[in-house]
Amino acid sequence: MTREELKADYNSHAANAERLREVLVEQVESLLSSMTLGVPLESRVKTWSSVEERLERKPIELEKITDLDDLVGIRIILLFRRDLDTTLGLLKSAFEVIRVETQ
């Protein structure tokens, strides 16, 4: 898919991606209501400029914008490290988790 076609596809999916982000945040907040978060959940829909930067840094073949595995992202920061395994278990029971980054 050319960059122009990919941008058009991005623009046609942007509103749905935003709705997905909103619903995911609601679901994750509900799922983790018993956990102590360090800060409120952070979420975003990747901007087109960020998609372009990624394509420049790390060329990947996309047939459609929804093939991008991080088009919508949520960041969860826990107050206590001891809650990490429980939180991951809750998320994995409700969602297909593609990638986890822990520090």
PDB file of N, CA and C in Angstrom:
ATOM      1  N   MET A   1       0.850  -1.165   0.000  1.00  0.00           N
ATOM      2  CA  MET A   1       0.000   0.000   0.000  1.00  0.00           C
ATOM      3  C   MET A   1       0.901   1.236   0.000  1.00  0.00           C
ATOM      4  N   THR A   2       0.597   2.196  -0.852  1.00  0.00           N
ATOM      5  CA  THR A   2       1.404   3.419  -0.900  1.00  0.00           C
ATOM      6  C   THR A   2       1.152   4.256   0.355  1.00  0.00           C
ATOM      7  N   ARG A   3       2.031   5.177   0.609  1.00  0.00           N
ATOM      8  CA  ARG A   3       1.891   6.045   1.778  1.00  0.00           C
ATOM      9  C   ARG A   3       0.601   6.860   1.700  1.00  0.00           C
ATOM     10  N   GLU A   4       0.246   7.319   0.508  1.00  0.00           N
ATOM     11  CA  GLU A   4      -0.984   8.103   0.340  1.00  0.00           C
ATOM     12  C   GLU A   4      -2.220   7.246   0.628  1.00  0.00           C
ATOM     13  N   GLU A   5      -2.207   6.001   0.152  1.00  0.00           N
ATOM     14  CA  GLU A   5      -3.327   5.090   0.415  1.00  0.00           C
ATOM     15  C   GLU A   5      -3.413   4.761   1.908  1.00  0.00           C
ATOM     16  N   LEU A   6      -2.260   4.593   2.528  1.00  0.00           N
ATOM     17  CA  LEU A   6      -2.230   4.294   3.958  1.00  0.00           C
ATOM     18  C   LEU A   6      -2.766   5.486   4.757  1.00  0.00           C
ATOM     19  N   LYS A   7      -2.420   6.694   4.339  1.00  0.00           N
ATOM     20  CA  LYS A   7      -2.929   7.888   5.032  1.00  0.00           C
ATOM     21  C   LYS A   7      -4.439   7.994   4.873  1.00  0.00           C
ATOM     22  N   ALA A   8      -4.942   7.710   3.689  1.00  0.00           N
ATOM     23  CA  ALA A   8      -6.396   7.732   3.474  1.00  0.00           C
ATOM     24  C   ALA A   8      -7.074   6.678   4.347  1.00  0.00           C
ATOM     25  N   ASP A   9      -6.456   5.508   4.455  1.00  0.00           N
ATOM     26  CA  ASP A   9      -6.994   4.442   5.305  1.00  0.00           C
ATOM     27  C   ASP A   9      -6.967   4.886   6.767  1.00  0.00           C
ATOM     28  N   TYR A  10      -5.879   5.523   7.185  1.00  0.00           N
ATOM     29  CA  TYR A  10      -5.774   6.050   8.550  1.00  0.00           C
ATOM     30  C   TYR A  10      -6.919   7.026   8.812  1.00  0.00           C
ATOM     31  N   ASN A  11      -7.105   7.967   7.905  1.00  0.00           N
ATOM     32  CA  ASN A  11      -8.155   8.967   8.084  1.00  0.00           C
ATOM     33  C   ASN A  11      -9.548   8.339   8.145  1.00  0.00           C
ATOM     34  N   SER A  12      -9.761   7.277   7.388  1.00  0.00           N
ATOM     35  CA  SER A  12     -11.081   6.633   7.404  1.00  0.00           C
ATOM     36  C   SER A  12     -11.316   5.832   8.681  1.00  0.00           C
ATOM     37  N   HIS A  13     -10.233   5.454   9.389  1.00  0.00           N
ATOM     38  CA  HIS A  13     -10.362   4.674  10.623  1.00  0.00           C
ATOM     39  C   HIS A  13     -10.153   5.494  11.892  1.00  0.00           C
ATOM     40  N   ALA A  14      -9.775   6.751  11.777  1.00  0.00           N
ATOM     41  CA  ALA A  14      -9.414   7.558  12.946  1.00  0.00           C
ATOM     42  C   ALA A  14     -10.549   7.660  13.961  1.00  0.00           C
ATOM     43  N   ALA A  15     -11.759   7.899  13.507  1.00  0.00           N
ATOM     44  CA  ALA A  15     -12.890   8.035  14.443  1.00  0.00           C
ATOM     45  C   ALA A  15     -13.169   6.716  15.156  1.00  0.00           C
ATOM     46  N   ASN A  16     -13.116   5.611  14.432  1.00  0.00           N
ATOM     47  CA  ASN A  16     -13.323   4.305  15.069  1.00  0.00           C
ATOM     48  C   ASN A  16     -12.211   3.985  16.061  1.00  0.00           C
ATOM     49  N   ALA A  17     -10.989   4.362  15.734  1.00  0.00           N
ATOM     50  CA  ALA A  17      -9.862   4.125  16.643  1.00  0.00           C
ATOM     51  C   ALA A  17     -10.058   4.923  17.931  1.00  0.00           C
ATOM     52  N   GLU A  18     -10.555   6.131  17.813  1.00  0.00           N
ATOM     53  CA  GLU A  18     -10.811   6.958  18.999  1.00  0.00           C
ATOM     54  C   GLU A  18     -11.919   6.343  19.858  1.00  0.00           C
ATOM     55  N   ARG A  19     -12.965   5.850  19.229  1.00  0.00           N
ATOM     56  CA  ARG A  19     -14.031   5.180  19.983  1.00  0.00           C
ATOM     57  C   ARG A  19     -13.503   3.923  20.670  1.00  0.00           C
ATOM     58  N   LEU A  20     -12.663   3.166  19.964  1.00  0.00           N
ATOM     59  CA  LEU A  20     -12.057   1.983  20.561  1.00  0.00           C
ATOM     60  C   LEU A  20     -11.221   2.369  21.776  1.00  0.00           C
ATOM     61  N   ARG A  21     -10.447   3.433  21.670  1.00  0.00           N
ATOM     62  CA  ARG A  21      -9.625   3.905  22.782  1.00  0.00           C
ATOM     63  C   ARG A  21     -10.498   4.211  23.998  1.00  0.00           C
ATOM     64  N   GLU A  22     -11.591   4.921  23.776  1.00  0.00           N
ATOM     65  CA  GLU A  22     -12.496   5.290  24.870  1.00  0.00           C
ATOM     66  C   GLU A  22     -13.088   4.060  25.545  1.00  0.00           C
ATOM     67  N   VAL A  23     -13.536   3.097  24.754  1.00  0.00           N
ATOM     68  CA  VAL A  23     -14.136   1.877  25.303  1.00  0.00           C
ATOM     69  C   VAL A  23     -13.093   1.046  26.045  1.00  0.00           C
ATOM     70  N   LEU A  24     -11.907   0.942  25.486  1.00  0.00           N
ATOM     71  CA  LEU A  24     -10.842   0.189  26.148  1.00  0.00           C
ATOM     72  C   LEU A  24     -10.484   0.804  27.496  1.00  0.00           C
ATOM     73  N   VAL A  25     -10.401   2.122  27.553  1.00  0.00           N
ATOM     74  CA  VAL A  25     -10.078   2.786  28.818  1.00  0.00           C
ATOM     75  C   VAL A  25     -11.155   2.474  29.850  1.00  0.00           C
ATOM     76  N   GLU A  26     -12.417   2.569  29.458  1.00  0.00           N
ATOM     77  CA  GLU A  26     -13.514   2.243  30.385  1.00  0.00           C
ATOM     78  C   GLU A  26     -13.402   0.807  30.884  1.00  0.00           C
ATOM     79  N   GLN A  27     -13.160  -0.120  29.974  1.00  0.00           N
ATOM     80  CA  GLN A  27     -13.081  -1.524  30.354  1.00  0.00           C
ATOM     81  C   GLN A  27     -11.882  -1.800  31.255  1.00  0.00           C
ATOM     82  N   VAL A  28     -10.735  -1.223  30.930  1.00  0.00           N
ATOM     83  CA  VAL A  28      -9.540  -1.452  31.735  1.00  0.00           C
ATOM     84  C   VAL A  28      -9.699  -0.809  33.117  1.00  0.00           C
ATOM     85  N   GLU A  29     -10.270   0.384  33.176  1.00  0.00           N
ATOM     86  CA  GLU A  29     -10.496   1.014  34.473  1.00  0.00           C
ATOM     87  C   GLU A  29     -11.412   0.153  35.340  1.00  0.00           C
ATOM     88  N   SER A  30     -12.451  -0.407  34.737  1.00  0.00           N
ATOM     89  CA  SER A  30     -13.362  -1.280  35.475  1.00  0.00           C
ATOM     90  C   SER A  30     -12.654  -2.548  35.926  1.00  0.00           C
ATOM     91  N   LEU A  31     -11.900  -3.140  35.028  1.00  0.00           N
ATOM     92  CA  LEU A  31     -11.184  -4.386  35.314  1.00  0.00           C
ATOM     93  C   LEU A  31     -10.169  -4.203  36.441  1.00  0.00           C
ATOM     94  N   LEU A  32      -9.527  -3.044  36.467  1.00  0.00           N
ATOM     95  CA  LEU A  32      -8.465  -2.796  37.442  1.00  0.00           C
ATOM     96  C   LEU A  32      -8.930  -1.947  38.627  1.00  0.00           C
ATOM     97  N   SER A  33     -10.215  -1.894  38.851  1.00  0.00           N
ATOM     98  CA  SER A  33     -10.740  -1.033  39.919  1.00  0.00           C
ATOM     99  C   SER A  33     -10.192  -1.404  41.297  1.00  0.00           C
ATOM    100  N   SER A  34      -9.788  -2.645  41.489  1.00  0.00           N
ATOM    101  CA  SER A  34      -9.256  -3.068  42.794  1.00  0.00           C
ATOM    102  C   SER A  34      -7.739  -2.849  42.902  1.00  0.00           C
ATOM    103  N   MET A  35      -7.109  -2.435  41.830  1.00  0.00           N
ATOM    104  CA  MET A  35      -5.659  -2.239  41.831  1.00  0.00           C
ATOM    105  C   MET A  35      -5.340  -0.774  42.156  1.00  0.00           C
ATOM    106  N   THR A  36      -4.170  -0.532  42.738  1.00  0.00           N
ATOM    107  CA  THR A  36      -3.745   0.826  43.058  1.00  0.00           C
ATOM    108  C   THR A  36      -2.841   1.325  41.936  1.00  0.00           C
ATOM    109  N   LEU A  37      -3.347   2.291  41.181  1.00  0.00           N
ATOM    110  CA  LEU A  37      -2.574   2.862  40.084  1.00  0.00           C
ATOM    111  C   LEU A  37      -1.703   3.998  40.595  1.00  0.00           C
ATOM    112  N   GLY A  38      -0.528   4.143  40.007  1.00  0.00           N
ATOM    113  CA  GLY A  38       0.368   5.234  40.357  1.00  0.00           C
ATOM    114  C   GLY A  38      -0.123   6.565  39.814  1.00  0.00           C
ATOM    115  N   VAL A  39      -0.700   6.516  38.640  1.00  0.00           N
ATOM    116  CA  VAL A  39      -1.283   7.684  37.971  1.00  0.00           C
ATOM    117  C   VAL A  39      -2.494   7.188  37.184  1.00  0.00           C
ATOM    118  N   PRO A  40      -3.403   8.083  36.813  1.00  0.00           N
ATOM    119  CA  PRO A  40      -4.532   7.640  35.982  1.00  0.00           C
ATOM    120  C   PRO A  40      -4.030   7.002  34.681  1.00  0.00           C
ATOM    121  N   LEU A  41      -4.852   6.116  34.113  1.00  0.00           N
ATOM    122  CA  LEU A  41      -4.495   5.484  32.843  1.00  0.00           C
ATOM    123  C   LEU A  41      -4.177   6.539  31.803  1.00  0.00           C
ATOM    124  N   GLU A  42      -3.197   6.257  30.984  1.00  0.00           N
ATOM    125  CA  GLU A  42      -2.869   7.108  29.842  1.00  0.00           C
ATOM    126  C   GLU A  42      -3.224   6.324  28.591  1.00  0.00           C
ATOM    127  N   SER A  43      -3.754   7.009  27.597  1.00  0.00           N
ATOM    128  CA  SER A  43      -4.120   6.324  26.357  1.00  0.00           C
ATOM    129  C   SER A  43      -3.958   7.281  25.191  1.00  0.00           C
ATOM    130  N   ARG A  44      -3.870   6.686  24.007  1.00  0.00           N
ATOM    131  CA  ARG A  44      -3.748   7.514  22.808  1.00  0.00           C
ATOM    132  C   ARG A  44      -4.064   6.692  21.569  1.00  0.00           C
ATOM    133  N   VAL A  45      -4.432   7.431  20.521  1.00  0.00           N
ATOM    134  CA  VAL A  45      -4.471   6.871  19.170  1.00  0.00           C
ATOM    135  C   VAL A  45      -3.245   7.453  18.486  1.00  0.00           C
ATOM    136  N   LYS A  46      -2.443   6.598  17.888  1.00  0.00           N
ATOM    137  CA  LYS A  46      -1.213   7.052  17.224  1.00  0.00           C
ATOM    138  C   LYS A  46      -1.575   8.067  16.141  1.00  0.00           C
ATOM    139  N   THR A  47      -0.890   9.202  16.154  1.00  0.00           N
ATOM    140  CA  THR A  47      -1.142  10.232  15.141  1.00  0.00           C
ATOM    141  C   THR A  47      -0.555   9.807  13.797  1.00  0.00           C
ATOM    142  N   TRP A  48      -1.036  10.413  12.747  1.00  0.00           N
ATOM    143  CA  TRP A  48      -0.500  10.083  11.427  1.00  0.00           C
ATOM    144  C   TRP A  48       0.990  10.422  11.352  1.00  0.00           C
ATOM    145  N   SER A  49       1.392  11.555  11.934  1.00  0.00           N
ATOM    146  CA  SER A  49       2.817  11.918  11.879  1.00  0.00           C
ATOM    147  C   SER A  49       3.667  10.878  12.608  1.00  0.00           C
ATOM    148  N   SER A  50       3.146  10.320  13.681  1.00  0.00           N
ATOM    149  CA  SER A  50       3.863   9.269  14.400  1.00  0.00           C
ATOM    150  C   SER A  50       3.942   7.986  13.566  1.00  0.00           C
ATOM    151  N   VAL A  51       2.878   7.686  12.835  1.00  0.00           N
ATOM    152  CA  VAL A  51       2.894   6.522  11.933  1.00  0.00           C
ATOM    153  C   VAL A  51       3.970   6.730  10.867  1.00  0.00           C
ATOM    154  N   GLU A  52       4.011   7.922  10.288  1.00  0.00           N
ATOM    155  CA  GLU A  52       5.023   8.219   9.261  1.00  0.00           C
ATOM    156  C   GLU A  52       6.440   8.095   9.815  1.00  0.00           C
ATOM    157  N   GLU A  53       6.668   8.636  11.016  1.00  0.00           N
ATOM    158  CA  GLU A  53       7.993   8.543  11.628  1.00  0.00           C
ATOM    159  C   GLU A  53       8.396   7.089  11.832  1.00  0.00           C
ATOM    160  N   ARG A  54       7.434   6.278  12.262  1.00  0.00           N
ATOM    161  CA  ARG A  54       7.739   4.858  12.474  1.00  0.00           C
ATOM    162  C   ARG A  54       8.096   4.177  11.156  1.00  0.00           C
ATOM    163  N   LEU A  55       7.362   4.485  10.108  1.00  0.00           N
ATOM    164  CA  LEU A  55       7.642   3.894   8.800  1.00  0.00           C
ATOM    165  C   LEU A  55       9.029   4.294   8.297  1.00  0.00           C
ATOM    166  N   GLU A  56       9.455   5.497   8.653  1.00  0.00           N
ATOM    167  CA  GLU A  56      10.789   5.956   8.244  1.00  0.00           C
ATOM    168  C   GLU A  56      11.882   5.240   9.041  1.00  0.00           C
ATOM    169  N   ARG A  57      11.657   5.090  10.359  1.00  0.00           N
ATOM    170  CA  ARG A  57      12.638   4.459  11.241  1.00  0.00           C
ATOM    171  C   ARG A  57      12.745   2.968  11.010  1.00  0.00           C
ATOM    172  N   LYS A  58      11.590   2.339  10.850  1.00  0.00           N
ATOM    173  CA  LYS A  58      11.537   0.883  10.794  1.00  0.00           C
ATOM    174  C   LYS A  58      10.549   0.486   9.690  1.00  0.00           C
ATOM    175  N   PRO A  59      11.037   0.406   8.469  1.00  0.00           N
ATOM    176  CA  PRO A  59      10.122   0.094   7.365  1.00  0.00           C
ATOM    177  C   PRO A  59       9.375  -1.223   7.598  1.00  0.00           C
ATOM    178  N   ILE A  60       8.062  -1.129   7.570  1.00  0.00           N
ATOM    179  CA  ILE A  60       7.212  -2.314   7.697  1.00  0.00           C
ATOM    180  C   ILE A  60       6.165  -2.267   6.601  1.00  0.00           C
ATOM    181  N   GLU A  61       5.754  -3.417   6.155  1.00  0.00           N
ATOM    182  CA  GLU A  61       4.729  -3.502   5.121  1.00  0.00           C
ATOM    183  C   GLU A  61       3.369  -3.600   5.789  1.00  0.00           C
ATOM    184  N   LEU A  62       2.504  -2.661   5.488  1.00  0.00           N
ATOM    185  CA  LEU A  62       1.144  -2.677   6.009  1.00  0.00           C
ATOM    186  C   LEU A  62       0.178  -2.750   4.840  1.00  0.00           C
ATOM    187  N   GLU A  63      -0.770  -3.670   4.919  1.00  0.00           N
ATOM    188  CA  GLU A  63      -1.810  -3.736   3.901  1.00  0.00           C
ATOM    189  C   GLU A  63      -2.946  -2.782   4.237  1.00  0.00           C
ATOM    190  N   LYS A  64      -3.080  -2.472   5.540  1.00  0.00           N
ATOM    191  CA  LYS A  64      -4.073  -1.514   6.005  1.00  0.00           C
ATOM    192  C   LYS A  64      -3.595  -0.969   7.343  1.00  0.00           C
ATOM    193  N   ILE A  65      -4.091   0.193   7.727  1.00  0.00           N
ATOM    194  CA  ILE A  65      -3.618   0.845   8.949  1.00  0.00           C
ATOM    195  C   ILE A  65      -3.933   0.012  10.180  1.00  0.00           C
ATOM    196  N   THR A  66      -4.988  -0.772  10.144  1.00  0.00           N
ATOM    197  CA  THR A  66      -5.347  -1.590  11.304  1.00  0.00           C
ATOM    198  C   THR A  66      -4.395  -2.767  11.507  1.00  0.00           C
ATOM    199  N   ASP A  67      -3.469  -2.991  10.589  1.00  0.00           N
ATOM    200  CA  ASP A  67      -2.421  -3.996  10.792  1.00  0.00           C
ATOM    201  C   ASP A  67      -1.356  -3.499  11.768  1.00  0.00           C
ATOM    202  N   LEU A  68      -1.345  -2.207  12.037  1.00  0.00           N
ATOM    203  CA  LEU A  68      -0.387  -1.621  12.975  1.00  0.00           C
ATOM    204  C   LEU A  68      -0.771  -2.063  14.380  1.00  0.00           C
ATOM    205  N   ASP A  69       0.136  -2.766  15.075  1.00  0.00           N
ATOM    206  CA  ASP A  69      -0.233  -3.357  16.362  1.00  0.00           C
ATOM    207  C   ASP A  69      -0.294  -2.356  17.509  1.00  0.00           C
ATOM    208  N   ASP A  70       0.114  -1.114  17.282  1.00  0.00           N
ATOM    209  CA  ASP A  70       0.015  -0.117  18.349  1.00  0.00           C
ATOM    210  C   ASP A  70      -0.719   1.143  17.901  1.00  0.00           C
ATOM    211  N   LEU A  71      -1.710   0.974  17.055  1.00  0.00           N
ATOM    212  CA  LEU A  71      -2.515   2.114  16.616  1.00  0.00           C
ATOM    213  C   LEU A  71      -3.213   2.755  17.811  1.00  0.00           C
ATOM    214  N   VAL A  72      -3.724   1.923  18.706  1.00  0.00           N
ATOM    215  CA  VAL A  72      -4.329   2.396  19.948  1.00  0.00           C
ATOM    216  C   VAL A  72      -3.496   1.839  21.091  1.00  0.00           C
ATOM    217  N   GLY A  73      -3.139   2.685  22.040  1.00  0.00           N
ATOM    218  CA  GLY A  73      -2.313   2.224  23.147  1.00  0.00           C
ATOM    219  C   GLY A  73      -2.817   2.728  24.480  1.00  0.00           C
ATOM    220  N   ILE A  74      -2.583   1.926  25.518  1.00  0.00           N
ATOM    221  CA  ILE A  74      -2.920   2.289  26.890  1.00  0.00           C
ATOM    222  C   ILE A  74      -1.691   2.050  27.753  1.00  0.00           C
ATOM    223  N   ARG A  75      -1.404   2.989  28.623  1.00  0.00           N
ATOM    224  CA  ARG A  75      -0.287   2.833  29.567  1.00  0.00           C
ATOM    225  C   ARG A  75      -0.862   2.733  30.974  1.00  0.00           C
ATOM    226  N   ILE A  76      -0.443   1.678  31.667  1.00  0.00           N
ATOM    227  CA  ILE A  76      -0.875   1.453  33.038  1.00  0.00           C
ATOM    228  C   ILE A  76       0.358   1.532  33.925  1.00  0.00           C
ATOM    229  N   ILE A  77       0.343   2.447  34.877  1.00  0.00           N
ATOM    230  CA  ILE A  77       1.448   2.571  35.822  1.00  0.00           C
ATOM    231  C   ILE A  77       0.901   2.225  37.200  1.00  0.00           C
ATOM    232  N   LEU A  78       1.423   1.146  37.750  1.00  0.00           N
ATOM    233  CA  LEU A  78       0.981   0.679  39.059  1.00  0.00           C
ATOM    234  C   LEU A  78       1.780   1.356  40.159  1.00  0.00           C
ATOM    235  N   LEU A  79       1.150   1.541  41.304  1.00  0.00           N
ATOM    236  CA  LEU A  79       1.851   2.114  42.439  1.00  0.00           C
ATOM    237  C   LEU A  79       2.786   1.088  43.069  1.00  0.00           C
ATOM    238  N   PHE A  80       2.344  -0.180  43.077  1.00  0.00           N
ATOM    239  CA  PHE A  80       3.135  -1.217  43.722  1.00  0.00           C
ATOM    240  C   PHE A  80       3.539  -2.290  42.719  1.00  0.00           C
ATOM    241  N   ARG A  81       4.808  -2.623  42.678  1.00  0.00           N
ATOM    242  CA  ARG A  81       5.320  -3.668  41.784  1.00  0.00           C
ATOM    243  C   ARG A  81       4.682  -5.024  42.090  1.00  0.00           C
ATOM    244  N   ARG A  82       4.337  -5.247  43.348  1.00  0.00           N
ATOM    245  CA  ARG A  82       3.736  -6.527  43.742  1.00  0.00           C
ATOM    246  C   ARG A  82       2.396  -6.787  43.038  1.00  0.00           C
ATOM    247  N   ASP A  83       1.764  -5.737  42.510  1.00  0.00           N
ATOM    248  CA  ASP A  83       0.484  -5.872  41.816  1.00  0.00           C
ATOM    249  C   ASP A  83       0.634  -6.236  40.342  1.00  0.00           C
ATOM    250  N   LEU A  84       1.864  -6.294  39.860  1.00  0.00           N
ATOM    251  CA  LEU A  84       2.107  -6.504  38.429  1.00  0.00           C
ATOM    252  C   LEU A  84       1.539  -7.823  37.924  1.00  0.00           C
ATOM    253  N   ASP A  85       1.837  -8.934  38.577  1.00  0.00           N
ATOM    254  CA  ASP A  85       1.355 -10.241  38.107  1.00  0.00           C
ATOM    255  C   ASP A  85      -0.166 -10.324  38.128  1.00  0.00           C
ATOM    256  N   THR A  86      -0.787  -9.792  39.181  1.00  0.00           N
ATOM    257  CA  THR A  86      -2.249  -9.796  39.271  1.00  0.00           C
ATOM    258  C   THR A  86      -2.858  -8.966  38.144  1.00  0.00           C
ATOM    259  N   THR A  87      -2.275  -7.801  37.905  1.00  0.00           N
ATOM    260  CA  THR A  87      -2.773  -6.913  36.849  1.00  0.00           C
ATOM    261  C   THR A  87      -2.641  -7.580  35.482  1.00  0.00           C
ATOM    262  N   LEU A  88      -1.482  -8.175  35.216  1.00  0.00           N
ATOM    263  CA  LEU A  88      -1.284  -8.871  33.938  1.00  0.00           C
ATOM    264  C   LEU A  88      -2.284 -10.010  33.786  1.00  0.00           C
ATOM    265  N   GLY A  89      -2.529 -10.741  34.852  1.00  0.00           N
ATOM    266  CA  GLY A  89      -3.504 -11.828  34.806  1.00  0.00           C
ATOM    267  C   GLY A  89      -4.895 -11.324  34.470  1.00  0.00           C
ATOM    268  N   LEU A  90      -5.305 -10.226  35.094  1.00  0.00           N
ATOM    269  CA  LEU A  90      -6.621  -9.641  34.808  1.00  0.00           C
ATOM    270  C   LEU A  90      -6.734  -9.209  33.349  1.00  0.00           C
ATOM    271  N   LEU A  91      -5.684  -8.551  32.865  1.00  0.00           N
ATOM    272  CA  LEU A  91      -5.711  -8.071  31.480  1.00  0.00           C
ATOM    273  C   LEU A  91      -5.713  -9.237  30.488  1.00  0.00           C
ATOM    274  N   LYS A  92      -4.901 -10.262  30.757  1.00  0.00           N
ATOM    275  CA  LYS A  92      -4.832 -11.410  29.850  1.00  0.00           C
ATOM    276  C   LYS A  92      -6.117 -12.222  29.865  1.00  0.00           C
ATOM    277  N   SER A  93      -6.867 -12.171  30.963  1.00  0.00           N
ATOM    278  CA  SER A  93      -8.137 -12.895  31.017  1.00  0.00           C
ATOM    279  C   SER A  93      -9.222 -12.191  30.201  1.00  0.00           C
ATOM    280  N   ALA A  94      -9.045 -10.895  29.968  1.00  0.00           N
ATOM    281  CA  ALA A  94     -10.071 -10.118  29.272  1.00  0.00           C
ATOM    282  C   ALA A  94      -9.687  -9.744  27.837  1.00  0.00           C
ATOM    283  N   PHE A  95      -8.396  -9.692  27.545  1.00  0.00           N
ATOM    284  CA  PHE A  95      -7.924  -9.217  26.242  1.00  0.00           C
ATOM    285  C   PHE A  95      -6.861 -10.141  25.672  1.00  0.00           C
ATOM    286  N   GLU A  96      -6.667 -10.038  24.387  1.00  0.00           N
ATOM    287  CA  GLU A  96      -5.515 -10.685  23.752  1.00  0.00           C
ATOM    288  C   GLU A  96      -4.361  -9.697  23.856  1.00  0.00           C
ATOM    289  N   VAL A  97      -3.426  -9.964  24.723  1.00  0.00           N
ATOM    290  CA  VAL A  97      -2.298  -9.067  24.962  1.00  0.00           C
ATOM    291  C   VAL A  97      -1.210  -9.370  23.943  1.00  0.00           C
ATOM    292  N   ILE A  98      -0.850  -8.354  23.170  1.00  0.00           N
ATOM    293  CA  ILE A  98       0.153  -8.518  22.115  1.00  0.00           C
ATOM    294  C   ILE A  98       1.556  -8.290  22.654  1.00  0.00           C
ATOM    295  N   ARG A  99       1.722  -7.255  23.467  1.00  0.00           N
ATOM    296  CA  ARG A  99       3.056  -6.919  23.959  1.00  0.00           C
ATOM    297  C   ARG A  99       2.934  -6.287  25.341  1.00  0.00           C
ATOM    298  N   VAL A 100       3.859  -6.631  26.211  1.00  0.00           N
ATOM    299  CA  VAL A 100       3.910  -6.069  27.562  1.00  0.00           C
ATOM    300  C   VAL A 100       5.286  -5.484  27.756  1.00  0.00           C
ATOM    301  N   GLU A 101       5.340  -4.256  28.288  1.00  0.00           N
ATOM    302  CA  GLU A 101       6.616  -3.636  28.610  1.00  0.00           C
ATOM    303  C   GLU A 101       6.611  -3.357  30.099  1.00  0.00           C
ATOM    304  N   THR A 102       7.548  -3.925  30.808  1.00  0.00           N
ATOM    305  CA  THR A 102       7.651  -3.665  32.248  1.00  0.00           C
ATOM    306  C   THR A 102       9.020  -3.104  32.553  1.00  0.00           C
ATOM    307  N   GLN A 103       9.076  -2.286  33.568  1.00  0.00           N
ATOM    308  CA  GLN A 103      10.355  -1.700  33.975  1.00  0.00           C
ATOM    309  C   GLN A 103      10.484  -1.764  35.461  1.00  0.00           C
TER     310      GLN A 103
END
